[in-house]
Amino acid sequence: MFAALLLSGIASSAIAAEAKQDFTLVNKTGYELNAVYVSPGHADAWGEDVMGQDILGDGESVHVTFKRAEKSCQWDLKVIYTEDDSSAVWHDIDLCSVSKITIRYNRKSDKTTASYE
């Protein structure tokens, strides 16, 4: 199964060796994220929190990396808020063409949305 790792301060040589599914997650929700899960599209289980013990604060970003041998392009993303354990989920993100995901929370609609670059 898939294994994602979070890396900070990546050296330029490491960037060249990244898998094509690697992406940066940017939190612009106004809240802290307690957990981030990435799994193959519509998998039965989410696996481990790629953040580990860390929290992703509002305005912060994290780089999620994949094993170079990983072939799948379609992935699901789930984030869990620290404040109330609520979550937001997106399915079938083409991580072979997306390198940055920015999530935002709209208080009026009570929805978390994602934009892809």
PDB file of N, CA and C in Angstrom:
ATOM      1  N   MET A   1       0.839  -1.178   0.000  1.00  0.00           N
ATOM      2  CA  MET A   1       0.000   0.000   0.000  1.00  0.00           C
ATOM      3  C   MET A   1       0.877   1.233   0.000  1.00  0.00           C
ATOM      4  N   PHE A   2       0.297   2.342  -0.196  1.00  0.00           N
ATOM      5  CA  PHE A   2       0.961   3.618  -0.310  1.00  0.00           C
ATOM      6  C   PHE A   2       1.538   4.099   1.009  1.00  0.00           C
ATOM      7  N   ALA A   3       2.652   4.780   0.943  1.00  0.00           N
ATOM      8  CA  ALA A   3       3.236   5.392   2.139  1.00  0.00           C
ATOM      9  C   ALA A   3       3.607   6.816   1.793  1.00  0.00           C
ATOM     10  N   ALA A   4       3.077   7.765   2.521  1.00  0.00           N
ATOM     11  CA  ALA A   4       3.397   9.174   2.300  1.00  0.00           C
ATOM     12  C   ALA A   4       4.247   9.667   3.446  1.00  0.00           C
ATOM     13  N   LEU A   5       5.185  10.509   3.124  1.00  0.00           N
ATOM     14  CA  LEU A   5       6.057  11.096   4.124  1.00  0.00           C
ATOM     15  C   LEU A   5       5.996  12.599   3.995  1.00  0.00           C
ATOM     16  N   LEU A   6       6.130  13.286   5.109  1.00  0.00           N
ATOM     17  CA  LEU A   6       6.187  14.733   5.096  1.00  0.00           C
ATOM     18  C   LEU A   6       7.629  15.161   5.226  1.00  0.00           C
ATOM     19  N   LEU A   7       8.036  16.091   4.401  1.00  0.00           N
ATOM     20  CA  LEU A   7       9.399  16.570   4.456  1.00  0.00           C
ATOM     21  C   LEU A   7       9.403  18.081   4.549  1.00  0.00           C
ATOM     22  N   SER A   8      10.296  18.610   5.365  1.00  0.00           N
ATOM     23  CA  SER A   8      10.470  20.057   5.411  1.00  0.00           C
ATOM     24  C   SER A   8      11.926  20.352   5.102  1.00  0.00           C
ATOM     25  N   GLY A   9      12.160  21.501   4.527  1.00  0.00           N
ATOM     26  CA  GLY A   9      13.516  21.872   4.170  1.00  0.00           C
ATOM     27  C   GLY A   9      14.134  20.922   3.162  1.00  0.00           C
ATOM     28  N   ILE A  10      13.448  20.630   2.100  1.00  0.00           N
ATOM     29  CA  ILE A  10      13.905  19.661   1.104  1.00  0.00           C
ATOM     30  C   ILE A  10      15.071  20.243   0.309  1.00  0.00           C
ATOM     31  N   ALA A  11      16.102  19.474   0.183  1.00  0.00           N
ATOM     32  CA  ALA A  11      17.252  19.889  -0.620  1.00  0.00           C
ATOM     33  C   ALA A  11      16.886  19.806  -2.091  1.00  0.00           C
ATOM     34  N   SER A  12      17.520  20.608  -2.913  1.00  0.00           N
ATOM     35  CA  SER A  12      17.182  20.620  -4.334  1.00  0.00           C
ATOM     36  C   SER A  12      17.414  19.260  -4.984  1.00  0.00           C
ATOM     37  N   SER A  13      18.406  18.503  -4.527  1.00  0.00           N
ATOM     38  CA  SER A  13      18.623  17.184  -5.111  1.00  0.00           C
ATOM     39  C   SER A  13      17.472  16.241  -4.778  1.00  0.00           C
ATOM     40  N   ALA A  14      16.865  16.398  -3.607  1.00  0.00           N
ATOM     41  CA  ALA A  14      15.725  15.564  -3.230  1.00  0.00           C
ATOM     42  C   ALA A  14      14.511  15.906  -4.078  1.00  0.00           C
ATOM     43  N   ILE A  15      14.337  17.168  -4.417  1.00  0.00           N
ATOM     44  CA  ILE A  15      13.204  17.577  -5.245  1.00  0.00           C
ATOM     45  C   ILE A  15      13.267  16.888  -6.604  1.00  0.00           C
ATOM     46  N   ALA A  16      14.446  16.766  -7.157  1.00  0.00           N
ATOM     47  CA  ALA A  16      14.597  16.125  -8.456  1.00  0.00           C
ATOM     48  C   ALA A  16      14.219  14.646  -8.407  1.00  0.00           C
ATOM     49  N   ALA A  17      14.286  14.038  -7.223  1.00  0.00           N
ATOM     50  CA  ALA A  17      14.004  12.611  -7.094  1.00  0.00           C
ATOM     51  C   ALA A  17      12.571  12.327  -6.656  1.00  0.00           C
ATOM     52  N   GLU A  18      11.723  13.335  -6.602  1.00  0.00           N
ATOM     53  CA  GLU A  18      10.356  13.157  -6.131  1.00  0.00           C
ATOM     54  C   GLU A  18       9.510  12.327  -7.094  1.00  0.00           C
ATOM     55  N   ALA A  19       8.521  11.673  -6.523  1.00  0.00           N
ATOM     56  CA  ALA A  19       7.528  10.981  -7.338  1.00  0.00           C
ATOM     57  C   ALA A  19       6.619  12.029  -7.974  1.00  0.00           C
ATOM     58  N   LYS A  20       5.978  11.674  -9.079  1.00  0.00           N
ATOM     59  CA  LYS A  20       5.133  12.651  -9.769  1.00  0.00           C
ATOM     60  C   LYS A  20       3.879  13.013  -8.977  1.00  0.00           C
ATOM     61  N   GLN A  21       3.515  12.243  -7.957  1.00  0.00           N
ATOM     62  CA  GLN A  21       2.322  12.516  -7.160  1.00  0.00           C
ATOM     63  C   GLN A  21       2.588  13.461  -5.987  1.00  0.00           C
ATOM     64  N   ASP A  22       3.824  13.797  -5.710  1.00  0.00           N
ATOM     65  CA  ASP A  22       4.146  14.679  -4.589  1.00  0.00           C
ATOM     66  C   ASP A  22       3.403  16.001  -4.738  1.00  0.00           C
ATOM     67  N   PHE A  23       2.962  16.560  -3.618  1.00  0.00           N
ATOM     68  CA  PHE A  23       2.249  17.832  -3.670  1.00  0.00           C
ATOM     69  C   PHE A  23       2.448  18.607  -2.379  1.00  0.00           C
ATOM     70  N   THR A  24       2.136  19.895  -2.437  1.00  0.00           N
ATOM     71  CA  THR A  24       2.164  20.762  -1.269  1.00  0.00           C
ATOM     72  C   THR A  24       0.725  21.053  -0.882  1.00  0.00           C
ATOM     73  N   LEU A  25       0.411  20.862   0.399  1.00  0.00           N
ATOM     74  CA  LEU A  25      -0.911  21.173   0.938  1.00  0.00           C
ATOM     75  C   LEU A  25      -0.819  22.475   1.701  1.00  0.00           C
ATOM     76  N   VAL A  26      -1.663  23.447   1.327  1.00  0.00           N
ATOM     77  CA  VAL A  26      -1.685  24.762   1.971  1.00  0.00           C
ATOM     78  C   VAL A  26      -2.993  24.909   2.733  1.00  0.00           C
ATOM     79  N   ASN A  27      -2.891  25.235   4.019  1.00  0.00           N
ATOM     80  CA  ASN A  27      -4.061  25.401   4.876  1.00  0.00           C
ATOM     81  C   ASN A  27      -4.423  26.875   4.977  1.00  0.00           C
ATOM     82  N   LYS A  28      -5.518  27.265   4.346  1.00  0.00           N
ATOM     83  CA  LYS A  28      -6.034  28.642   4.422  1.00  0.00           C
ATOM     84  C   LYS A  28      -7.455  28.618   4.982  1.00  0.00           C
ATOM     85  N   THR A  29      -7.702  27.713   5.941  1.00  0.00           N
ATOM     86  CA  THR A  29      -9.046  27.525   6.481  1.00  0.00           C
ATOM     87  C   THR A  29      -9.378  28.472   7.631  1.00  0.00           C
ATOM     88  N   GLY A  30      -8.369  29.022   8.263  1.00  0.00           N
ATOM     89  CA  GLY A  30      -8.596  29.815   9.467  1.00  0.00           C
ATOM     90  C   GLY A  30      -8.521  28.963  10.730  1.00  0.00           C
ATOM     91  N   TYR A  31      -8.249  27.666  10.563  1.00  0.00           N
ATOM     92  CA  TYR A  31      -8.192  26.725  11.685  1.00  0.00           C
ATOM     93  C   TYR A  31      -6.998  25.791  11.534  1.00  0.00           C
ATOM     94  N   GLU A  32      -6.606  25.168  12.642  1.00  0.00           N
ATOM     95  CA  GLU A  32      -5.565  24.154  12.606  1.00  0.00           C
ATOM     96  C   GLU A  32      -6.118  22.830  12.102  1.00  0.00           C
ATOM     97  N   LEU A  33      -5.281  22.095  11.409  1.00  0.00           N
ATOM     98  CA  LEU A  33      -5.633  20.742  10.974  1.00  0.00           C
ATOM     99  C   LEU A  33      -4.879  19.745  11.843  1.00  0.00           C
ATOM    100  N   ASN A  34      -5.605  18.830  12.418  1.00  0.00           N
ATOM    101  CA  ASN A  34      -5.026  17.834  13.306  1.00  0.00           C
ATOM    102  C   ASN A  34      -4.478  16.631  12.534  1.00  0.00           C
ATOM    103  N   ALA A  35      -5.095  16.310  11.392  1.00  0.00           N
ATOM    104  CA  ALA A  35      -4.686  15.128  10.637  1.00  0.00           C
ATOM    105  C   ALA A  35      -4.923  15.339   9.151  1.00  0.00           C
ATOM    106  N   VAL A  36      -4.092  14.685   8.355  1.00  0.00           N
ATOM    107  CA  VAL A  36      -4.212  14.699   6.895  1.00  0.00           C
ATOM    108  C   VAL A  36      -4.014  13.264   6.422  1.00  0.00           C
ATOM    109  N   TYR A  37      -4.964  12.769   5.643  1.00  0.00           N
ATOM    110  CA  TYR A  37      -4.891  11.415   5.108  1.00  0.00           C
ATOM    111  C   TYR A  37      -4.917  11.483   3.591  1.00  0.00           C
ATOM    112  N   VAL A  38      -4.103  10.666   2.959  1.00  0.00           N
ATOM    113  CA  VAL A  38      -4.071  10.548   1.508  1.00  0.00           C
ATOM    114  C   VAL A  38      -4.102   9.055   1.196  1.00  0.00           C
ATOM    115  N   SER A  39      -5.058   8.646   0.368  1.00  0.00           N
ATOM    116  CA  SER A  39      -5.151   7.222   0.020  1.00  0.00           C
ATOM    117  C   SER A  39      -5.465   7.082  -1.464  1.00  0.00           C
ATOM    118  N   PRO A  40      -5.149   5.926  -2.025  1.00  0.00           N
ATOM    119  CA  PRO A  40      -5.525   5.696  -3.429  1.00  0.00           C
ATOM    120  C   PRO A  40      -7.027   5.911  -3.602  1.00  0.00           C
ATOM    121  N   GLY A  41      -7.441   6.398  -4.757  1.00  0.00           N
ATOM    122  CA  GLY A  41      -8.842   6.721  -5.024  1.00  0.00           C
ATOM    123  C   GLY A  41      -9.814   5.648  -4.572  1.00  0.00           C
ATOM    124  N   HIS A  42     -10.757   6.040  -3.737  1.00  0.00           N
ATOM    125  CA  HIS A  42     -11.841   5.188  -3.238  1.00  0.00           C
ATOM    126  C   HIS A  42     -11.353   3.915  -2.549  1.00  0.00           C
ATOM    127  N   ALA A  43     -10.222   3.986  -1.866  1.00  0.00           N
ATOM    128  CA  ALA A  43      -9.724   2.837  -1.103  1.00  0.00           C
ATOM    129  C   ALA A  43     -10.642   2.585   0.086  1.00  0.00           C
ATOM    130  N   ASP A  44     -10.599   1.386   0.620  1.00  0.00           N
ATOM    131  CA  ASP A  44     -11.450   1.015   1.757  1.00  0.00           C
ATOM    132  C   ASP A  44     -10.974   1.610   3.076  1.00  0.00           C
ATOM    133  N   ALA A  45      -9.701   1.987   3.156  1.00  0.00           N
ATOM    134  CA  ALA A  45      -9.156   2.527   4.406  1.00  0.00           C
ATOM    135  C   ALA A  45      -8.266   3.728   4.109  1.00  0.00           C
ATOM    136  N   TRP A  46      -8.151   4.618   5.079  1.00  0.00           N
ATOM    137  CA  TRP A  46      -7.339   5.818   4.909  1.00  0.00           C
ATOM    138  C   TRP A  46      -5.868   5.589   5.216  1.00  0.00           C
ATOM    139  N   GLY A  47      -5.538   4.612   6.019  1.00  0.00           N
ATOM    140  CA  GLY A  47      -4.141   4.414   6.389  1.00  0.00           C
ATOM    141  C   GLY A  47      -3.736   5.379   7.479  1.00  0.00           C
ATOM    142  N   GLU A  48      -2.448   5.700   7.537  1.00  0.00           N
ATOM    143  CA  GLU A  48      -1.920   6.541   8.603  1.00  0.00           C
ATOM    144  C   GLU A  48      -2.024   8.025   8.269  1.00  0.00           C
ATOM    145  N   ASP A  49      -2.118   8.830   9.338  1.00  0.00           N
ATOM    146  CA  ASP A  49      -2.094  10.282   9.224  1.00  0.00           C
ATOM    147  C   ASP A  49      -0.704  10.686   8.735  1.00  0.00           C
ATOM    148  N   VAL A  50      -0.620  11.336   7.576  1.00  0.00           N
ATOM    149  CA  VAL A  50       0.680  11.716   7.035  1.00  0.00           C
ATOM    150  C   VAL A  50       1.340  12.832   7.823  1.00  0.00           C
ATOM    151  N   MET A  51       0.586  13.469   8.718  1.00  0.00           N
ATOM    152  CA  MET A  51       1.150  14.522   9.566  1.00  0.00           C
ATOM    153  C   MET A  51       1.834  13.936  10.804  1.00  0.00           C
ATOM    154  N   GLY A  52       1.544  12.687  11.123  1.00  0.00           N
ATOM    155  CA  GLY A  52       2.107  12.106  12.338  1.00  0.00           C
ATOM    156  C   GLY A  52       1.582  12.840  13.559  1.00  0.00           C
ATOM    157  N   GLN A  53       2.467  13.298  14.397  1.00  0.00           N
ATOM    158  CA  GLN A  53       2.095  14.021  15.621  1.00  0.00           C
ATOM    159  C   GLN A  53       1.947  15.526  15.384  1.00  0.00           C
ATOM    160  N   ASP A  54       2.267  16.002  14.198  1.00  0.00           N
ATOM    161  CA  ASP A  54       2.263  17.431  13.907  1.00  0.00           C
ATOM    162  C   ASP A  54       0.864  17.960  13.638  1.00  0.00           C
ATOM    163  N   ILE A  55       0.738  19.278  13.743  1.00  0.00           N
ATOM    164  CA  ILE A  55      -0.489  20.004  13.415  1.00  0.00           C
ATOM    165  C   ILE A  55      -0.146  20.990  12.311  1.00  0.00           C
ATOM    166  N   LEU A  56      -1.051  21.158  11.354  1.00  0.00           N
ATOM    167  CA  LEU A  56      -0.844  22.115  10.276  1.00  0.00           C
ATOM    168  C   LEU A  56      -1.667  23.357  10.589  1.00  0.00           C
ATOM    169  N   GLY A  57      -0.996  24.425  11.001  1.00  0.00           N
ATOM    170  CA  GLY A  57      -1.662  25.660  11.371  1.00  0.00           C
ATOM    171  C   GLY A  57      -2.202  26.415  10.176  1.00  0.00           C
ATOM    172  N   ASP A  58      -3.131  27.329  10.449  1.00  0.00           N
ATOM    173  CA  ASP A  58      -3.664  28.179   9.394  1.00  0.00           C
ATOM    174  C   ASP A  58      -2.530  28.985   8.779  1.00  0.00           C
ATOM    175  N   GLY A  59      -2.498  29.043   7.457  1.00  0.00           N
ATOM    176  CA  GLY A  59      -1.461  29.774   6.748  1.00  0.00           C
ATOM    177  C   GLY A  59      -0.195  28.972   6.528  1.00  0.00           C
ATOM    178  N   GLU A  60      -0.130  27.768   7.072  1.00  0.00           N
ATOM    179  CA  GLU A  60       1.048  26.925   6.915  1.00  0.00           C
ATOM    180  C   GLU A  60       0.850  25.952   5.754  1.00  0.00           C
ATOM    181  N   SER A  61       1.968  25.389   5.293  1.00  0.00           N
ATOM    182  CA  SER A  61       1.902  24.386   4.236  1.00  0.00           C
ATOM    183  C   SER A  61       2.812  23.231   4.605  1.00  0.00           C
ATOM    184  N   VAL A  62       2.558  22.101   3.979  1.00  0.00           N
ATOM    185  CA  VAL A  62       3.371  20.911   4.187  1.00  0.00           C
ATOM    186  C   VAL A  62       3.541  20.214   2.843  1.00  0.00           C
ATOM    187  N   HIS A  63       4.702  19.635   2.650  1.00  0.00           N
ATOM    188  CA  HIS A  63       4.981  18.909   1.408  1.00  0.00           C
ATOM    189  C   HIS A  63       4.758  17.424   1.666  1.00  0.00           C
ATOM    190  N   VAL A  64       3.914  16.796   0.870  1.00  0.00           N
ATOM    191  CA  VAL A  64       3.606  15.370   0.995  1.00  0.00           C
ATOM    192  C   VAL A  64       4.321  14.652  -0.139  1.00  0.00           C
ATOM    193  N   THR A  65       5.115  13.647   0.220  1.00  0.00           N
ATOM    194  CA  THR A  65       5.873  12.921  -0.796  1.00  0.00           C
ATOM    195  C   THR A  65       5.451  11.456  -0.847  1.00  0.00           C
ATOM    196  N   PHE A  66       5.648  10.870  -1.997  1.00  0.00           N
ATOM    197  CA  PHE A  66       5.292   9.485  -2.266  1.00  0.00           C
ATOM    198  C   PHE A  66       6.544   8.707  -2.620  1.00  0.00           C
ATOM    199  N   LYS A  67       6.460   7.393  -2.506  1.00  0.00           N
ATOM    200  CA  LYS A  67       7.545   6.541  -2.977  1.00  0.00           C
ATOM    201  C   LYS A  67       7.664   6.715  -4.486  1.00  0.00           C
ATOM    202  N   ARG A  68       8.878   6.744  -4.976  1.00  0.00           N
ATOM    203  CA  ARG A  68       9.089   6.948  -6.421  1.00  0.00           C
ATOM    204  C   ARG A  68       8.439   5.867  -7.254  1.00  0.00           C
ATOM    205  N   ALA A  69       8.276   4.667  -6.727  1.00  0.00           N
ATOM    206  CA  ALA A  69       7.706   3.557  -7.493  1.00  0.00           C
ATOM    207  C   ALA A  69       6.183   3.646  -7.604  1.00  0.00           C
ATOM    208  N   GLU A  70       5.554   4.548  -6.869  1.00  0.00           N
ATOM    209  CA  GLU A  70       4.091   4.660  -6.885  1.00  0.00           C
ATOM    210  C   GLU A  70       3.618   5.042  -8.287  1.00  0.00           C
ATOM    211  N   LYS A  71       2.619   4.317  -8.802  1.00  0.00           N
ATOM    212  CA  LYS A  71       2.147   4.529 -10.174  1.00  0.00           C
ATOM    213  C   LYS A  71       0.787   5.208 -10.268  1.00  0.00           C
ATOM    214  N   SER A  72      -0.065   5.053  -9.265  1.00  0.00           N
ATOM    215  CA  SER A  72      -1.423   5.591  -9.332  1.00  0.00           C
ATOM    216  C   SER A  72      -1.430   7.111  -9.369  1.00  0.00           C
ATOM    217  N   CYS A  73      -2.344   7.683 -10.144  1.00  0.00           N
ATOM    218  CA  CYS A  73      -2.492   9.130 -10.215  1.00  0.00           C
ATOM    219  C   CYS A  73      -3.709   9.624  -9.434  1.00  0.00           C
ATOM    220  N   GLN A  74      -4.728   8.797  -9.269  1.00  0.00           N
ATOM    221  CA  GLN A  74      -5.973   9.203  -8.616  1.00  0.00           C
ATOM    222  C   GLN A  74      -5.907   8.933  -7.110  1.00  0.00           C
ATOM    223  N   TRP A  75      -6.039  10.007  -6.306  1.00  0.00           N
ATOM    224  CA  TRP A  75      -5.909   9.916  -4.854  1.00  0.00           C
ATOM    225  C   TRP A  75      -7.044  10.661  -4.172  1.00  0.00           C
ATOM    226  N   ASP A  76      -7.375  10.215  -2.968  1.00  0.00           N
ATOM    227  CA  ASP A  76      -8.361  10.882  -2.124  1.00  0.00           C
ATOM    228  C   ASP A  76      -7.626  11.601  -1.004  1.00  0.00           C
ATOM    229  N   LEU A  77      -8.191  12.706  -0.552  1.00  0.00           N
ATOM    230  CA  LEU A  77      -7.603  13.524   0.507  1.00  0.00           C
ATOM    231  C   LEU A  77      -8.642  13.765   1.586  1.00  0.00           C
ATOM    232  N   LYS A  78      -8.237  13.606   2.835  1.00  0.00           N
ATOM    233  CA  LYS A  78      -9.121  13.866   3.970  1.00  0.00           C
ATOM    234  C   LYS A  78      -8.345  14.692   4.988  1.00  0.00           C
ATOM    235  N   VAL A  79      -8.957  15.779   5.471  1.00  0.00           N
ATOM    236  CA  VAL A  79      -8.362  16.579   6.539  1.00  0.00           C
ATOM    237  C   VAL A  79      -9.308  16.592   7.727  1.00  0.00           C
ATOM    238  N   ILE A  80      -8.732  16.636   8.914  1.00  0.00           N
ATOM    239  CA  ILE A  80      -9.519  16.687  10.147  1.00  0.00           C
ATOM    240  C   ILE A  80      -9.100  17.918  10.932  1.00  0.00           C
ATOM    241  N   TYR A  81     -10.093  18.712  11.299  1.00  0.00           N
ATOM    242  CA  TYR A  81      -9.850  19.935  12.063  1.00  0.00           C
ATOM    243  C   TYR A  81      -9.536  19.611  13.521  1.00  0.00           C
ATOM    244  N   THR A  82      -8.614  20.368  14.108  1.00  0.00           N
ATOM    245  CA  THR A  82      -8.243  20.200  15.513  1.00  0.00           C
ATOM    246  C   THR A  82      -9.373  20.617  16.437  1.00  0.00           C
ATOM    247  N   GLU A  83     -10.047  21.707  16.100  1.00  0.00           N
ATOM    248  CA  GLU A  83     -11.027  22.322  16.993  1.00  0.00           C
ATOM    249  C   GLU A  83     -12.202  21.411  17.358  1.00  0.00           C
ATOM    250  N   ASP A  84     -12.770  20.715  16.372  1.00  0.00           N
ATOM    251  CA  ASP A  84     -13.979  19.927  16.665  1.00  0.00           C
ATOM    252  C   ASP A  84     -13.971  18.538  16.038  1.00  0.00           C
ATOM    253  N   ASP A  85     -12.839  18.107  15.502  1.00  0.00           N
ATOM    254  CA  ASP A  85     -12.703  16.793  14.861  1.00  0.00           C
ATOM    255  C   ASP A  85     -13.582  16.610  13.628  1.00  0.00           C
ATOM    256  N   SER A  86     -14.139  17.711  13.088  1.00  0.00           N
ATOM    257  CA  SER A  86     -14.893  17.593  11.835  1.00  0.00           C
ATOM    258  C   SER A  86     -13.887  17.363  10.705  1.00  0.00           C
ATOM    259  N   SER A  87     -14.386  16.889   9.562  1.00  0.00           N
ATOM    260  CA  SER A  87     -13.485  16.565   8.465  1.00  0.00           C
ATOM    261  C   SER A  87     -14.047  17.032   7.130  1.00  0.00           C
ATOM    262  N   ALA A  88     -13.154  17.066   6.149  1.00  0.00           N
ATOM    263  CA  ALA A  88     -13.521  17.352   4.765  1.00  0.00           C
ATOM    264  C   ALA A  88     -12.791  16.336   3.896  1.00  0.00           C
ATOM    265  N   VAL A  89     -13.463  15.875   2.836  1.00  0.00           N
ATOM    266  CA  VAL A  89     -12.909  14.828   1.978  1.00  0.00           C
ATOM    267  C   VAL A  89     -13.057  15.221   0.508  1.00  0.00           C
ATOM    268  N   TRP A  90     -12.023  14.928  -0.271  1.00  0.00           N
ATOM    269  CA  TRP A  90     -12.048  15.104  -1.715  1.00  0.00           C
ATOM    270  C   TRP A  90     -11.638  13.796  -2.349  1.00  0.00           C
ATOM    271  N   HIS A  91     -12.297  13.425  -3.452  1.00  0.00           N
ATOM    272  CA  HIS A  91     -12.024  12.159  -4.127  1.00  0.00           C
ATOM    273  C   HIS A  91     -11.428  12.386  -5.512  1.00  0.00           C
ATOM    274  N   ASP A  92     -10.651  11.414  -5.944  1.00  0.00           N
ATOM    275  CA  ASP A  92     -10.118  11.351  -7.307  1.00  0.00           C
ATOM    276  C   ASP A  92      -9.345  12.597  -7.732  1.00  0.00           C
ATOM    277  N   ILE A  93      -8.436  13.036  -6.892  1.00  0.00           N
ATOM    278  CA  ILE A  93      -7.553  14.139  -7.252  1.00  0.00           C
ATOM    279  C   ILE A  93      -6.426  13.560  -8.105  1.00  0.00           C
ATOM    280  N   ASP A  94      -6.202  14.132  -9.262  1.00  0.00           N
ATOM    281  CA  ASP A  94      -5.144  13.652 -10.156  1.00  0.00           C
ATOM    282  C   ASP A  94      -3.807  14.249  -9.709  1.00  0.00           C
ATOM    283  N   LEU A  95      -3.120  13.536  -8.827  1.00  0.00           N
ATOM    284  CA  LEU A  95      -1.860  14.046  -8.292  1.00  0.00           C
ATOM    285  C   LEU A  95      -0.709  13.951  -9.272  1.00  0.00           C
ATOM    286  N   CYS A  96      -0.942  13.371 -10.435  1.00  0.00           N
ATOM    287  CA  CYS A  96       0.083  13.383 -11.471  1.00  0.00           C
ATOM    288  C   CYS A  96       0.114  14.736 -12.182  1.00  0.00           C
ATOM    289  N   SER A  97      -0.971  15.505 -12.070  1.00  0.00           N
ATOM    290  CA  SER A  97      -1.011  16.822 -12.700  1.00  0.00           C
ATOM    291  C   SER A  97      -1.166  17.954 -11.692  1.00  0.00           C
ATOM    292  N   VAL A  98      -1.380  17.638 -10.422  1.00  0.00           N
ATOM    293  CA  VAL A  98      -1.555  18.655  -9.368  1.00  0.00           C
ATOM    294  C   VAL A  98      -0.305  18.668  -8.493  1.00  0.00           C
ATOM    295  N   SER A  99       0.250  19.850  -8.268  1.00  0.00           N
ATOM    296  CA  SER A  99       1.426  19.948  -7.401  1.00  0.00           C
ATOM    297  C   SER A  99       1.149  20.752  -6.132  1.00  0.00           C
ATOM    298  N   LYS A 100      -0.012  21.424  -6.113  1.00  0.00           N
ATOM    299  CA  LYS A 100      -0.355  22.233  -4.945  1.00  0.00           C
ATOM    300  C   LYS A 100      -1.860  22.181  -4.717  1.00  0.00           C
ATOM    301  N   ILE A 101      -2.252  21.898  -3.480  1.00  0.00           N
ATOM    302  CA  ILE A 101      -3.661  21.904  -3.088  1.00  0.00           C
ATOM    303  C   ILE A 101      -3.817  22.922  -1.971  1.00  0.00           C
ATOM    304  N   THR A 102      -4.698  23.886  -2.187  1.00  0.00           N
ATOM    305  CA  THR A 102      -4.983  24.901  -1.162  1.00  0.00           C
ATOM    306  C   THR A 102      -6.403  24.693  -0.688  1.00  0.00           C
ATOM    307  N   ILE A 103      -6.556  24.540   0.625  1.00  0.00           N
ATOM    308  CA  ILE A 103      -7.905  24.347   1.172  1.00  0.00           C
ATOM    309  C   ILE A 103      -8.328  25.598   1.930  1.00  0.00           C
ATOM    310  N   ARG A 104      -9.633  25.912   1.788  1.00  0.00           N
ATOM    311  CA  ARG A 104     -10.218  27.093   2.433  1.00  0.00           C
ATOM    312  C   ARG A 104     -11.551  26.713   3.057  1.00  0.00           C
ATOM    313  N   TYR A 105     -11.870  27.360   4.159  1.00  0.00           N
ATOM    314  CA  TYR A 105     -13.148  27.131   4.824  1.00  0.00           C
ATOM    315  C   TYR A 105     -13.996  28.378   4.698  1.00  0.00           C
ATOM    316  N   ASN A 106     -15.278  28.223   4.312  1.00  0.00           N
ATOM    317  CA  ASN A 106     -16.222  29.320   4.190  1.00  0.00           C
ATOM    318  C   ASN A 106     -17.216  29.219   5.344  1.00  0.00           C
ATOM    319  N   ARG A 107     -17.157  30.164   6.254  1.00  0.00           N
ATOM    320  CA  ARG A 107     -18.030  30.129   7.443  1.00  0.00           C
ATOM    321  C   ARG A 107     -19.505  30.255   7.080  1.00  0.00           C
ATOM    322  N   LYS A 108     -19.824  31.054   6.070  1.00  0.00           N
ATOM    323  CA  LYS A 108     -21.230  31.244   5.688  1.00  0.00           C
ATOM    324  C   LYS A 108     -21.867  29.956   5.182  1.00  0.00           C
ATOM    325  N   SER A 109     -21.134  29.220   4.356  1.00  0.00           N
ATOM    326  CA  SER A 109     -21.674  27.987   3.789  1.00  0.00           C
ATOM    327  C   SER A 109     -21.307  26.755   4.628  1.00  0.00           C
ATOM    328  N   ASP A 110     -20.396  26.935   5.587  1.00  0.00           N
ATOM    329  CA  ASP A 110     -19.889  25.838   6.417  1.00  0.00           C
ATOM    330  C   ASP A 110     -19.290  24.734   5.554  1.00  0.00           C
ATOM    331  N   LYS A 111     -18.546  25.129   4.510  1.00  0.00           N
ATOM    332  CA  LYS A 111     -17.923  24.164   3.598  1.00  0.00           C
ATOM    333  C   LYS A 111     -16.428  24.417   3.492  1.00  0.00           C
ATOM    334  N   THR A 112     -15.689  23.331   3.384  1.00  0.00           N
ATOM    335  CA  THR A 112     -14.262  23.416   3.096  1.00  0.00           C
ATOM    336  C   THR A 112     -14.078  23.068   1.627  1.00  0.00           C
ATOM    337  N   THR A 113     -13.389  23.921   0.899  1.00  0.00           N
ATOM    338  CA  THR A 113     -13.165  23.696  -0.523  1.00  0.00           C
ATOM    339  C   THR A 113     -11.666  23.564  -0.792  1.00  0.00           C
ATOM    340  N   ALA A 114     -11.364  22.996  -1.936  1.00  0.00           N
ATOM    341  CA  ALA A 114      -9.971  22.826  -2.342  1.00  0.00           C
ATOM    342  C   ALA A 114      -9.785  23.378  -3.748  1.00  0.00           C
ATOM    343  N   SER A 115      -8.663  24.051  -3.949  1.00  0.00           N
ATOM    344  CA  SER A 115      -8.295  24.471  -5.294  1.00  0.00           C
ATOM    345  C   SER A 115      -6.966  23.790  -5.630  1.00  0.00           C
ATOM    346  N   TYR A 116      -6.799  23.485  -6.917  1.00  0.00           N
ATOM    347  CA  TYR A 116      -5.649  22.701  -7.364  1.00  0.00           C
ATOM    348  C   TYR A 116      -4.804  23.496  -8.354  1.00  0.00           C
ATOM    349  N   GLU A 117      -3.512  23.367  -8.206  1.00  0.00           N
ATOM    350  CA  GLU A 117      -2.578  23.990  -9.160  1.00  0.00           C
ATOM    351  C   GLU A 117      -1.623  22.934  -9.654  1.00  0.00           C
TER     352      GLU A 117
END
